[in-house]
Amino acid sequence: MMHFNPLKDAGEPQGDNIRRYRETFAEVEALGARVRRARRQADLSLKRVNSAPEPHSAGNAVFAVELERHRADRETMFEAMRKLDAARQALRAIASDFAMDQDKAAAANLRRPA
């Protein structure tokens, strides 16, 4: 969760930094949607595994196929989650840069004689 909104709190627009923030924010949103879709798919494939006819063993071809699909769906979900985590980390770094720039500007304004 972001507590600093550089688009609101940064004061003057900072060109490339604002563009980078917006692009990264959009990427986080898109990856969040991808994770939700992948999670739903993994949940559905797990339900298919659990509803496969008995016995639930490698000798049951239906079970084996459904289990492999679920494993693939689960790996797709984990990959999307890793990408989302990386994008969130990048977004935090960009927001942190904005906050530091704002702090530096505030400190510079305090040093100026009135």
PDB file of N, CA and C in Angstrom:
ATOM      1  N   MET A   1       0.846  -1.172   0.000  1.00  0.00           N
ATOM      2  CA  MET A   1       0.000   0.000   0.000  1.00  0.00           C
ATOM      3  C   MET A   1       0.895   1.239   0.000  1.00  0.00           C
ATOM      4  N   MET A   2       0.549   2.214  -0.808  1.00  0.00           N
ATOM      5  CA  MET A   2       1.340   3.437  -0.903  1.00  0.00           C
ATOM      6  C   MET A   2       0.744   4.487   0.032  1.00  0.00           C
ATOM      7  N   HIS A   3       1.618   5.134   0.826  1.00  0.00           N
ATOM      8  CA  HIS A   3       1.161   6.201   1.710  1.00  0.00           C
ATOM      9  C   HIS A   3       1.541   7.563   1.150  1.00  0.00           C
ATOM     10  N   PHE A   4       2.365   7.574   0.137  1.00  0.00           N
ATOM     11  CA  PHE A   4       2.837   8.808  -0.464  1.00  0.00           C
ATOM     12  C   PHE A   4       2.361   8.846  -1.897  1.00  0.00           C
ATOM     13  N   ASN A   5       1.646   9.875  -2.252  1.00  0.00           N
ATOM     14  CA  ASN A   5       1.155  10.020  -3.612  1.00  0.00           C
ATOM     15  C   ASN A   5       1.982  11.091  -4.308  1.00  0.00           C
ATOM     16  N   PRO A   6       2.972  10.687  -5.104  1.00  0.00           N
ATOM     17  CA  PRO A   6       3.829  11.687  -5.727  1.00  0.00           C
ATOM     18  C   PRO A   6       3.090  12.584  -6.699  1.00  0.00           C
ATOM     19  N   LEU A   7       2.003  12.116  -7.254  1.00  0.00           N
ATOM     20  CA  LEU A   7       1.251  12.958  -8.190  1.00  0.00           C
ATOM     21  C   LEU A   7       0.591  14.106  -7.447  1.00  0.00           C
ATOM     22  N   LYS A   8       0.249  13.906  -6.184  1.00  0.00           N
ATOM     23  CA  LYS A   8      -0.395  14.940  -5.387  1.00  0.00           C
ATOM     24  C   LYS A   8       0.618  15.700  -4.536  1.00  0.00           C
ATOM     25  N   ASP A   9       1.586  14.961  -3.955  1.00  0.00           N
ATOM     26  CA  ASP A   9       2.461  15.528  -2.948  1.00  0.00           C
ATOM     27  C   ASP A   9       3.769  16.100  -3.479  1.00  0.00           C
ATOM     28  N   ALA A  10       4.105  15.865  -4.715  1.00  0.00           N
ATOM     29  CA  ALA A  10       5.424  16.265  -5.207  1.00  0.00           C
ATOM     30  C   ALA A  10       5.540  17.757  -5.505  1.00  0.00           C
ATOM     31  N   GLY A  11       4.456  18.468  -5.505  1.00  0.00           N
ATOM     32  CA  GLY A  11       4.541  19.888  -5.829  1.00  0.00           C
ATOM     33  C   GLY A  11       4.621  20.072  -7.325  1.00  0.00           C
ATOM     34  N   GLU A  12       5.792  20.437  -7.829  1.00  0.00           N
ATOM     35  CA  GLU A  12       5.972  20.660  -9.255  1.00  0.00           C
ATOM     36  C   GLU A  12       6.096  19.330  -9.991  1.00  0.00           C
ATOM     37  N   PRO A  13       5.568  19.265 -11.185  1.00  0.00           N
ATOM     38  CA  PRO A  13       5.734  18.041 -11.968  1.00  0.00           C
ATOM     39  C   PRO A  13       7.211  17.767 -12.215  1.00  0.00           C
ATOM     40  N   GLN A  14       7.595  16.494 -12.179  1.00  0.00           N
ATOM     41  CA  GLN A  14       8.995  16.143 -12.348  1.00  0.00           C
ATOM     42  C   GLN A  14       9.209  15.306 -13.600  1.00  0.00           C
ATOM     43  N   GLY A  15       8.449  15.555 -14.631  1.00  0.00           N
ATOM     44  CA  GLY A  15       8.639  14.986 -15.955  1.00  0.00           C
ATOM     45  C   GLY A  15       8.788  13.481 -16.008  1.00  0.00           C
ATOM     46  N   ASP A  16      10.019  13.027 -16.254  1.00  0.00           N
ATOM     47  CA  ASP A  16      10.275  11.596 -16.430  1.00  0.00           C
ATOM     48  C   ASP A  16       9.912  10.789 -15.193  1.00  0.00           C
ATOM     49  N   ASN A  17      10.135  11.351 -14.010  1.00  0.00           N
ATOM     50  CA  ASN A  17       9.787  10.632 -12.788  1.00  0.00           C
ATOM     51  C   ASN A  17       8.283  10.392 -12.687  1.00  0.00           C
ATOM     52  N   ILE A  18       7.497  11.377 -13.043  1.00  0.00           N
ATOM     53  CA  ILE A  18       6.032  11.211 -13.019  1.00  0.00           C
ATOM     54  C   ILE A  18       5.620  10.158 -14.045  1.00  0.00           C
ATOM     55  N   ARG A  19       6.219  10.219 -15.228  1.00  0.00           N
ATOM     56  CA  ARG A  19       5.906   9.233 -16.268  1.00  0.00           C
ATOM     57  C   ARG A  19       6.263   7.831 -15.789  1.00  0.00           C
ATOM     58  N   ARG A  20       7.466   7.677 -15.209  1.00  0.00           N
ATOM     59  CA  ARG A  20       7.890   6.374 -14.686  1.00  0.00           C
ATOM     60  C   ARG A  20       6.938   5.875 -13.603  1.00  0.00           C
ATOM     61  N   TYR A  21       6.522   6.780 -12.719  1.00  0.00           N
ATOM     62  CA  TYR A  21       5.593   6.408 -11.650  1.00  0.00           C
ATOM     63  C   TYR A  21       4.268   5.927 -12.245  1.00  0.00           C
ATOM     64  N   ARG A  22       3.732   6.685 -13.183  1.00  0.00           N
ATOM     65  CA  ARG A  22       2.446   6.320 -13.791  1.00  0.00           C
ATOM     66  C   ARG A  22       2.534   4.982 -14.518  1.00  0.00           C
ATOM     67  N   GLU A  23       3.611   4.777 -15.265  1.00  0.00           N
ATOM     68  CA  GLU A  23       3.782   3.512 -15.986  1.00  0.00           C
ATOM     69  C   GLU A  23       3.918   2.338 -15.022  1.00  0.00           C
ATOM     70  N   THR A  24       4.687   2.522 -13.961  1.00  0.00           N
ATOM     71  CA  THR A  24       4.881   1.458 -12.992  1.00  0.00           C
ATOM     72  C   THR A  24       3.595   1.193 -12.220  1.00  0.00           C
ATOM     73  N   PHE A  25       2.860   2.246 -11.887  1.00  0.00           N
ATOM     74  CA  PHE A  25       1.577   2.078 -11.203  1.00  0.00           C
ATOM     75  C   PHE A  25       0.616   1.285 -12.086  1.00  0.00           C
ATOM     76  N   ALA A  26       0.565   1.608 -13.372  1.00  0.00           N
ATOM     77  CA  ALA A  26      -0.302   0.875 -14.306  1.00  0.00           C
ATOM     78  C   ALA A  26       0.140  -0.581 -14.404  1.00  0.00           C
ATOM     79  N   GLU A  27       1.446  -0.816 -14.384  1.00  0.00           N
ATOM     80  CA  GLU A  27       1.951  -2.191 -14.422  1.00  0.00           C
ATOM     81  C   GLU A  27       1.535  -2.962 -13.174  1.00  0.00           C
ATOM     82  N   VAL A  28       1.611  -2.314 -12.003  1.00  0.00           N
ATOM     83  CA  VAL A  28       1.182  -2.957 -10.753  1.00  0.00           C
ATOM     84  C   VAL A  28      -0.299  -3.320 -10.839  1.00  0.00           C
ATOM     85  N   GLU A  29      -1.104  -2.418 -11.336  1.00  0.00           N
ATOM     86  CA  GLU A  29      -2.545  -2.689 -11.466  1.00  0.00           C
ATOM     87  C   GLU A  29      -2.798  -3.862 -12.413  1.00  0.00           C
ATOM     88  N   ALA A  30      -2.122  -3.865 -13.554  1.00  0.00           N
ATOM     89  CA  ALA A  30      -2.305  -4.949 -14.527  1.00  0.00           C
ATOM     90  C   ALA A  30      -1.828  -6.282 -13.961  1.00  0.00           C
ATOM     91  N   LEU A  31      -0.691  -6.272 -13.272  1.00  0.00           N
ATOM     92  CA  LEU A  31      -0.187  -7.514 -12.690  1.00  0.00           C
ATOM     93  C   LEU A  31      -1.080  -8.003 -11.556  1.00  0.00           C
ATOM     94  N   GLY A  32      -1.672  -7.084 -10.815  1.00  0.00           N
ATOM     95  CA  GLY A  32      -2.633  -7.482  -9.769  1.00  0.00           C
ATOM     96  C   GLY A  32      -3.818  -8.203 -10.380  1.00  0.00           C
ATOM     97  N   ALA A  33      -4.309  -7.697 -11.497  1.00  0.00           N
ATOM     98  CA  ALA A  33      -5.419  -8.359 -12.197  1.00  0.00           C
ATOM     99  C   ALA A  33      -4.986  -9.726 -12.719  1.00  0.00           C
ATOM    100  N   ARG A  34      -3.752  -9.808 -13.216  1.00  0.00           N
ATOM    101  CA  ARG A  34      -3.241 -11.089 -13.710  1.00  0.00           C
ATOM    102  C   ARG A  34      -3.141 -12.109 -12.575  1.00  0.00           C
ATOM    103  N   VAL A  35      -2.700 -11.673 -11.408  1.00  0.00           N
ATOM    104  CA  VAL A  35      -2.611 -12.574 -10.248  1.00  0.00           C
ATOM    105  C   VAL A  35      -4.007 -13.066  -9.864  1.00  0.00           C
ATOM    106  N   ARG A  36      -4.970 -12.168  -9.842  1.00  0.00           N
ATOM    107  CA  ARG A  36      -6.343 -12.585  -9.483  1.00  0.00           C
ATOM    108  C   ARG A  36      -6.893 -13.604 -10.475  1.00  0.00           C
ATOM    109  N   ARG A  37      -6.649 -13.381 -11.782  1.00  0.00           N
ATOM    110  CA  ARG A  37      -7.095 -14.345 -12.792  1.00  0.00           C
ATOM    111  C   ARG A  37      -6.398 -15.692 -12.627  1.00  0.00           C
ATOM    112  N   ALA A  38      -5.085 -15.639 -12.395  1.00  0.00           N
ATOM    113  CA  ALA A  38      -4.310 -16.876 -12.235  1.00  0.00           C
ATOM    114  C   ALA A  38      -4.744 -17.627 -10.977  1.00  0.00           C
ATOM    115  N   ARG A  39      -5.055 -16.902  -9.916  1.00  0.00           N
ATOM    116  CA  ARG A  39      -5.510 -17.540  -8.680  1.00  0.00           C
ATOM    117  C   ARG A  39      -6.860 -18.233  -8.907  1.00  0.00           C
ATOM    118  N   ARG A  40      -7.753 -17.548  -9.630  1.00  0.00           N
ATOM    119  CA  ARG A  40      -9.057 -18.179  -9.921  1.00  0.00           C
ATOM    120  C   ARG A  40      -8.858 -19.447 -10.753  1.00  0.00           C
ATOM    121  N   GLN A  41      -7.960 -19.381 -11.739  1.00  0.00           N
ATOM    122  CA  GLN A  41      -7.693 -20.543 -12.586  1.00  0.00           C
ATOM    123  C   GLN A  41      -7.100 -21.688 -11.766  1.00  0.00           C
ATOM    124  N   ALA A  42      -6.173 -21.376 -10.874  1.00  0.00           N
ATOM    125  CA  ALA A  42      -5.573 -22.412 -10.025  1.00  0.00           C
ATOM    126  C   ALA A  42      -6.616 -23.008  -9.082  1.00  0.00           C
ATOM    127  N   ASP A  43      -7.503 -22.176  -8.568  1.00  0.00           N
ATOM    128  CA  ASP A  43      -8.584 -22.689  -7.706  1.00  0.00           C
ATOM    129  C   ASP A  43      -9.496 -23.640  -8.478  1.00  0.00           C
ATOM    130  N   LEU A  44      -9.838 -23.248  -9.720  1.00  0.00           N
ATOM    131  CA  LEU A  44     -10.704 -24.111 -10.535  1.00  0.00           C
ATOM    132  C   LEU A  44     -10.024 -25.431 -10.870  1.00  0.00           C
ATOM    133  N   SER A  45      -8.738 -25.371 -11.210  1.00  0.00           N
ATOM    134  CA  SER A  45      -8.046 -26.616 -11.550  1.00  0.00           C
ATOM    135  C   SER A  45      -7.884 -27.506 -10.318  1.00  0.00           C
ATOM    136  N   LEU A  46      -7.731 -26.912  -9.142  1.00  0.00           N
ATOM    137  CA  LEU A  46      -7.673 -27.718  -7.915  1.00  0.00           C
ATOM    138  C   LEU A  46      -9.018 -28.398  -7.662  1.00  0.00           C
ATOM    139  N   LYS A  47     -10.102 -27.696  -7.925  1.00  0.00           N
ATOM    140  CA  LYS A  47     -11.429 -28.318  -7.772  1.00  0.00           C
ATOM    141  C   LYS A  47     -11.579 -29.494  -8.734  1.00  0.00           C
ATOM    142  N   ARG A  48     -11.067 -29.342  -9.956  1.00  0.00           N
ATOM    143  CA  ARG A  48     -11.132 -30.462 -10.910  1.00  0.00           C
ATOM    144  C   ARG A  48     -10.297 -31.649 -10.424  1.00  0.00           C
ATOM    145  N   VAL A  49      -9.134 -31.360  -9.840  1.00  0.00           N
ATOM    146  CA  VAL A  49      -8.298 -32.434  -9.288  1.00  0.00           C
ATOM    147  C   VAL A  49      -9.068 -33.155  -8.187  1.00  0.00           C
ATOM    148  N   ASN A  50      -9.650 -32.390  -7.296  1.00  0.00           N
ATOM    149  CA  ASN A  50     -10.359 -32.992  -6.162  1.00  0.00           C
ATOM    150  C   ASN A  50     -11.611 -33.743  -6.587  1.00  0.00           C
ATOM    151  N   SER A  51     -12.203 -33.357  -7.709  1.00  0.00           N
ATOM    152  CA  SER A  51     -13.420 -34.036  -8.156  1.00  0.00           C
ATOM    153  C   SER A  51     -13.134 -35.151  -9.163  1.00  0.00           C
ATOM    154  N   ALA A  52     -11.864 -35.398  -9.446  1.00  0.00           N
ATOM    155  CA  ALA A  52     -11.508 -36.496 -10.362  1.00  0.00           C
ATOM    156  C   ALA A  52     -11.936 -37.823  -9.720  1.00  0.00           C
ATOM    157  N   PRO A  53     -12.299 -38.784 -10.560  1.00  0.00           N
ATOM    158  CA  PRO A  53     -12.723 -40.076  -9.998  1.00  0.00           C
ATOM    159  C   PRO A  53     -11.592 -40.740  -9.209  1.00  0.00           C
ATOM    160  N   GLU A  54     -11.983 -41.490  -8.202  1.00  0.00           N
ATOM    161  CA  GLU A  54     -11.017 -42.247  -7.382  1.00  0.00           C
ATOM    162  C   GLU A  54     -10.398 -43.344  -8.224  1.00  0.00           C
ATOM    163  N   PRO A  55      -9.264 -43.856  -7.932  1.00  0.00           N
ATOM    164  CA  PRO A  55      -8.362 -43.442  -6.850  1.00  0.00           C
ATOM    165  C   PRO A  55      -7.529 -42.236  -7.279  1.00  0.00           C
ATOM    166  N   HIS A  56      -7.168 -41.427  -6.313  1.00  0.00           N
ATOM    167  CA  HIS A  56      -6.323 -40.265  -6.583  1.00  0.00           C
ATOM    168  C   HIS A  56      -4.866 -40.707  -6.507  1.00  0.00           C
ATOM    169  N   SER A  57      -4.412 -41.280  -7.590  1.00  0.00           N
ATOM    170  CA  SER A  57      -3.031 -41.754  -7.665  1.00  0.00           C
ATOM    171  C   SER A  57      -2.529 -41.571  -9.095  1.00  0.00           C
ATOM    172  N   ALA A  58      -1.238 -41.767  -9.283  1.00  0.00           N
ATOM    173  CA  ALA A  58      -0.632 -41.579 -10.600  1.00  0.00           C
ATOM    174  C   ALA A  58      -1.169 -42.576 -11.619  1.00  0.00           C
ATOM    175  N   GLY A  59      -1.723 -43.707 -11.149  1.00  0.00           N
ATOM    176  CA  GLY A  59      -2.267 -44.712 -12.062  1.00  0.00           C
ATOM    177  C   GLY A  59      -3.590 -44.298 -12.690  1.00  0.00           C
ATOM    178  N   ASN A  60      -4.237 -43.317 -12.125  1.00  0.00           N
ATOM    179  CA  ASN A  60      -5.511 -42.818 -12.646  1.00  0.00           C
ATOM    180  C   ASN A  60      -5.192 -41.716 -13.660  1.00  0.00           C
ATOM    181  N   ALA A  61      -5.405 -41.992 -14.929  1.00  0.00           N
ATOM    182  CA  ALA A  61      -5.027 -41.054 -15.993  1.00  0.00           C
ATOM    183  C   ALA A  61      -5.756 -39.714 -15.869  1.00  0.00           C
ATOM    184  N   VAL A  62      -7.042 -39.732 -15.540  1.00  0.00           N
ATOM    185  CA  VAL A  62      -7.806 -38.477 -15.410  1.00  0.00           C
ATOM    186  C   VAL A  62      -7.220 -37.638 -14.279  1.00  0.00           C
ATOM    187  N   PHE A  63      -6.981 -38.284 -13.146  1.00  0.00           N
ATOM    188  CA  PHE A  63      -6.408 -37.573 -12.001  1.00  0.00           C
ATOM    189  C   PHE A  63      -5.030 -37.003 -12.355  1.00  0.00           C
ATOM    190  N   ALA A  64      -4.191 -37.810 -13.002  1.00  0.00           N
ATOM    191  CA  ALA A  64      -2.836 -37.382 -13.345  1.00  0.00           C
ATOM    192  C   ALA A  64      -2.851 -36.157 -14.269  1.00  0.00           C
ATOM    193  N   VAL A  65      -3.733 -36.172 -15.259  1.00  0.00           N
ATOM    194  CA  VAL A  65      -3.835 -35.036 -16.187  1.00  0.00           C
ATOM    195  C   VAL A  65      -4.300 -33.781 -15.454  1.00  0.00           C
ATOM    196  N   GLU A  66      -5.334 -33.921 -14.625  1.00  0.00           N
ATOM    197  CA  GLU A  66      -5.853 -32.762 -13.885  1.00  0.00           C
ATOM    198  C   GLU A  66      -4.815 -32.233 -12.902  1.00  0.00           C
ATOM    199  N   LEU A  67      -4.060 -33.135 -12.277  1.00  0.00           N
ATOM    200  CA  LEU A  67      -3.028 -32.710 -11.340  1.00  0.00           C
ATOM    201  C   LEU A  67      -1.927 -31.926 -12.068  1.00  0.00           C
ATOM    202  N   GLU A  68      -1.521 -32.377 -13.234  1.00  0.00           N
ATOM    203  CA  GLU A  68      -0.506 -31.654 -14.009  1.00  0.00           C
ATOM    204  C   GLU A  68      -1.018 -30.283 -14.439  1.00  0.00           C
ATOM    205  N   ARG A  69      -2.287 -30.203 -14.831  1.00  0.00           N
ATOM    206  CA  ARG A  69      -2.871 -28.889 -15.187  1.00  0.00           C
ATOM    207  C   ARG A  69      -2.839 -27.962 -13.988  1.00  0.00           C
ATOM    208  N   HIS A  70      -3.206 -28.506 -12.835  1.00  0.00           N
ATOM    209  CA  HIS A  70      -3.206 -27.681 -11.625  1.00  0.00           C
ATOM    210  C   HIS A  70      -1.795 -27.200 -11.296  1.00  0.00           C
ATOM    211  N   ARG A  71      -0.820 -28.070 -11.407  1.00  0.00           N
ATOM    212  CA  ARG A  71       0.565 -27.662 -11.137  1.00  0.00           C
ATOM    213  C   ARG A  71       0.999 -26.543 -12.082  1.00  0.00           C
ATOM    214  N   ALA A  72       0.629 -26.664 -13.344  1.00  0.00           N
ATOM    215  CA  ALA A  72       0.966 -25.612 -14.313  1.00  0.00           C
ATOM    216  C   ALA A  72       0.244 -24.306 -13.970  1.00  0.00           C
ATOM    217  N   ASP A  73      -1.037 -24.407 -13.604  1.00  0.00           N
ATOM    218  CA  ASP A  73      -1.800 -23.211 -13.224  1.00  0.00           C
ATOM    219  C   ASP A  73      -1.205 -22.561 -11.985  1.00  0.00           C
ATOM    220  N   ARG A  74      -0.804 -23.399 -11.037  1.00  0.00           N
ATOM    221  CA  ARG A  74      -0.221 -22.884  -9.802  1.00  0.00           C
ATOM    222  C   ARG A  74       1.109 -22.179 -10.094  1.00  0.00           C
ATOM    223  N   GLU A  75       1.924 -22.745 -10.964  1.00  0.00           N
ATOM    224  CA  GLU A  75       3.198 -22.104 -11.306  1.00  0.00           C
ATOM    225  C   GLU A  75       2.962 -20.788 -12.041  1.00  0.00           C
ATOM    226  N   THR A  76       1.950 -20.743 -12.897  1.00  0.00           N
ATOM    227  CA  THR A  76       1.595 -19.492 -13.574  1.00  0.00           C
ATOM    228  C   THR A  76       1.212 -18.429 -12.543  1.00  0.00           C
ATOM    229  N   MET A  77       0.442 -18.836 -11.542  1.00  0.00           N
ATOM    230  CA  MET A  77       0.040 -17.908 -10.485  1.00  0.00           C
ATOM    231  C   MET A  77       1.262 -17.413  -9.709  1.00  0.00           C
ATOM    232  N   PHE A  78       2.157 -18.318  -9.342  1.00  0.00           N
ATOM    233  CA  PHE A  78       3.345 -17.912  -8.590  1.00  0.00           C
ATOM    234  C   PHE A  78       4.236 -16.981  -9.401  1.00  0.00           C
ATOM    235  N   GLU A  79       4.369 -17.231 -10.675  1.00  0.00           N
ATOM    236  CA  GLU A  79       5.167 -16.352 -11.540  1.00  0.00           C
ATOM    237  C   GLU A  79       4.544 -14.956 -11.596  1.00  0.00           C
ATOM    238  N   ALA A  80       3.221 -14.895 -11.721  1.00  0.00           N
ATOM    239  CA  ALA A  80       2.538 -13.596 -11.731  1.00  0.00           C
ATOM    240  C   ALA A  80       2.728 -12.882 -10.392  1.00  0.00           C
ATOM    241  N   MET A  81       2.702 -13.633  -9.309  1.00  0.00           N
ATOM    242  CA  MET A  81       2.906 -13.037  -7.987  1.00  0.00           C
ATOM    243  C   MET A  81       4.324 -12.496  -7.836  1.00  0.00           C
ATOM    244  N   ARG A  82       5.317 -13.212  -8.358  1.00  0.00           N
ATOM    245  CA  ARG A  82       6.701 -12.723  -8.302  1.00  0.00           C
ATOM    246  C   ARG A  82       6.844 -11.424  -9.102  1.00  0.00           C
ATOM    247  N   LYS A  83       6.230 -11.367 -10.275  1.00  0.00           N
ATOM    248  CA  LYS A  83       6.292 -10.149 -11.093  1.00  0.00           C
ATOM    249  C   LYS A  83       5.591  -8.986 -10.390  1.00  0.00           C
ATOM    250  N   LEU A  84       4.457  -9.272  -9.758  1.00  0.00           N
ATOM    251  CA  LEU A  84       3.732  -8.233  -9.023  1.00  0.00           C
ATOM    252  C   LEU A  84       4.583  -7.711  -7.869  1.00  0.00           C
ATOM    253  N   ASP A  85       5.215  -8.602  -7.133  1.00  0.00           N
ATOM    254  CA  ASP A  85       6.074  -8.161  -6.032  1.00  0.00           C
ATOM    255  C   ASP A  85       7.204  -7.267  -6.531  1.00  0.00           C
ATOM    256  N   ALA A  86       7.823  -7.641  -7.644  1.00  0.00           N
ATOM    257  CA  ALA A  86       8.911  -6.835  -8.207  1.00  0.00           C
ATOM    258  C   ALA A  86       8.401  -5.462  -8.646  1.00  0.00           C
ATOM    259  N   ALA A  87       7.235  -5.422  -9.268  1.00  0.00           N
ATOM    260  CA  ALA A  87       6.668  -4.138  -9.715  1.00  0.00           C
ATOM    261  C   ALA A  87       6.301  -3.263  -8.517  1.00  0.00           C
ATOM    262  N   ARG A  88       5.767  -3.865  -7.470  1.00  0.00           N
ATOM    263  CA  ARG A  88       5.444  -3.094  -6.261  1.00  0.00           C
ATOM    264  C   ARG A  88       6.709  -2.518  -5.634  1.00  0.00           C
ATOM    265  N   GLN A  89       7.763  -3.314  -5.618  1.00  0.00           N
ATOM    266  CA  GLN A  89       9.031  -2.842  -5.074  1.00  0.00           C
ATOM    267  C   GLN A  89       9.552  -1.657  -5.897  1.00  0.00           C
ATOM    268  N   ALA A  90       9.450  -1.750  -7.203  1.00  0.00           N
ATOM    269  CA  ALA A  90       9.882  -0.651  -8.068  1.00  0.00           C
ATOM    270  C   ALA A  90       9.038   0.602  -7.816  1.00  0.00           C
ATOM    271  N   LEU A  91       7.744   0.421  -7.629  1.00  0.00           N
ATOM    272  CA  LEU A  91       6.855   1.553  -7.366  1.00  0.00           C
ATOM    273  C   LEU A  91       7.211   2.215  -6.035  1.00  0.00           C
ATOM    274  N   ARG A  92       7.504   1.405  -5.021  1.00  0.00           N
ATOM    275  CA  ARG A  92       7.909   1.962  -3.724  1.00  0.00           C
ATOM    276  C   ARG A  92       9.207   2.766  -3.860  1.00  0.00           C
ATOM    277  N   ALA A  93      10.134   2.259  -4.662  1.00  0.00           N
ATOM    278  CA  ALA A  93      11.405   2.959  -4.854  1.00  0.00           C
ATOM    279  C   ALA A  93      11.180   4.313  -5.526  1.00  0.00           C
ATOM    280  N   ILE A  94      10.320   4.341  -6.529  1.00  0.00           N
ATOM    281  CA  ILE A  94      10.027   5.610  -7.221  1.00  0.00           C
ATOM    282  C   ILE A  94       9.366   6.589  -6.260  1.00  0.00           C
ATOM    283  N   ALA A  95       8.396   6.114  -5.483  1.00  0.00           N
ATOM    284  CA  ALA A  95       7.711   6.980  -4.522  1.00  0.00           C
ATOM    285  C   ALA A  95       8.690   7.476  -3.462  1.00  0.00           C
ATOM    286  N   SER A  96       9.610   6.619  -3.064  1.00  0.00           N
ATOM    287  CA  SER A  96      10.624   7.011  -2.088  1.00  0.00           C
ATOM    288  C   SER A  96      11.509   8.125  -2.643  1.00  0.00           C
ATOM    289  N   ASP A  97      11.867   8.018  -3.924  1.00  0.00           N
ATOM    290  CA  ASP A  97      12.663   9.076  -4.560  1.00  0.00           C
ATOM    291  C   ASP A  97      11.912  10.403  -4.543  1.00  0.00           C
ATOM    292  N   PHE A  98      10.605  10.343  -4.809  1.00  0.00           N
ATOM    293  CA  PHE A  98       9.800  11.570  -4.775  1.00  0.00           C
ATOM    294  C   PHE A  98       9.809  12.159  -3.365  1.00  0.00           C
ATOM    295  N   ALA A  99       9.642  11.315  -2.365  1.00  0.00           N
ATOM    296  CA  ALA A  99       9.602  11.795  -0.982  1.00  0.00           C
ATOM    297  C   ALA A  99      10.930  12.433  -0.591  1.00  0.00           C
ATOM    298  N   MET A 100      12.044  11.808  -0.986  1.00  0.00           N
ATOM    299  CA  MET A 100      13.356  12.380  -0.671  1.00  0.00           C
ATOM    300  C   MET A 100      13.546  13.718  -1.380  1.00  0.00           C
ATOM    301  N   ASP A 101      13.114  13.794  -2.632  1.00  0.00           N
ATOM    302  CA  ASP A 101      13.223  15.066  -3.367  1.00  0.00           C
ATOM    303  C   ASP A 101      12.403  16.145  -2.683  1.00  0.00           C
ATOM    304  N   GLN A 102      11.218  15.785  -2.206  1.00  0.00           N
ATOM    305  CA  GLN A 102      10.357  16.747  -1.531  1.00  0.00           C
ATOM    306  C   GLN A 102      10.986  17.194  -0.209  1.00  0.00           C
ATOM    307  N   ASP A 103      11.591  16.249   0.517  1.00  0.00           N
ATOM    308  CA  ASP A 103      12.266  16.600   1.765  1.00  0.00           C
ATOM    309  C   ASP A 103      13.446  17.537   1.514  1.00  0.00           C
ATOM    310  N   LYS A 104      14.207  17.272   0.453  1.00  0.00           N
ATOM    311  CA  LYS A 104      15.342  18.133   0.121  1.00  0.00           C
ATOM    312  C   LYS A 104      14.862  19.539  -0.231  1.00  0.00           C
ATOM    313  N   ALA A 105      13.775  19.618  -0.988  1.00  0.00           N
ATOM    314  CA  ALA A 105      13.239  20.929  -1.369  1.00  0.00           C
ATOM    315  C   ALA A 105      12.742  21.677  -0.140  1.00  0.00           C
ATOM    316  N   ALA A 106      12.091  20.974   0.774  1.00  0.00           N
ATOM    317  CA  ALA A 106      11.601  21.609   1.998  1.00  0.00           C
ATOM    318  C   ALA A 106      12.767  22.102   2.848  1.00  0.00           C
ATOM    319  N   ALA A 107      13.808  21.303   2.943  1.00  0.00           N
ATOM    320  CA  ALA A 107      15.000  21.707   3.725  1.00  0.00           C
ATOM    321  C   ALA A 107      15.669  22.921   3.071  1.00  0.00           C
ATOM    322  N   ALA A 108      15.739  22.960   1.773  1.00  0.00           N
ATOM    323  CA  ALA A 108      16.349  24.099   1.081  1.00  0.00           C
ATOM    324  C   ALA A 108      15.543  25.358   1.318  1.00  0.00           C
ATOM    325  N   ASN A 109      14.216  25.247   1.348  1.00  0.00           N
ATOM    326  CA  ASN A 109      13.368  26.408   1.604  1.00  0.00           C
ATOM    327  C   ASN A 109      13.535  26.928   3.030  1.00  0.00           C
ATOM    328  N   LEU A 110      13.819  26.036   3.966  1.00  0.00           N
ATOM    329  CA  LEU A 110      14.014  26.462   5.352  1.00  0.00           C
ATOM    330  C   LEU A 110      15.327  27.230   5.516  1.00  0.00           C
ATOM    331  N   ARG A 111      16.328  26.910   4.698  1.00  0.00           N
ATOM    332  CA  ARG A 111      17.639  27.560   4.812  1.00  0.00           C
ATOM    333  C   ARG A 111      17.660  28.946   4.181  1.00  0.00           C
ATOM    334  N   ARG A 112      16.702  29.243   3.333  1.00  0.00           N
ATOM    335  CA  ARG A 112      16.698  30.543   2.656  1.00  0.00           C
ATOM    336  C   ARG A 112      16.241  31.635   3.625  1.00  0.00           C
ATOM    337  N   PRO A 113      16.937  32.758   3.606  1.00  0.00           N
ATOM    338  CA  PRO A 113      16.506  33.877   4.470  1.00  0.00           C
ATOM    339  C   PRO A 113      15.174  34.456   3.967  1.00  0.00           C
ATOM    340  N   ALA A 114      14.389  34.866   4.899  1.00  0.00           N
ATOM    341  CA  ALA A 114      13.063  35.423   4.562  1.00  0.00           C
ATOM    342  C   ALA A 114      13.140  36.836   4.099  1.00  0.00           C
TER     343      ALA A 114
END
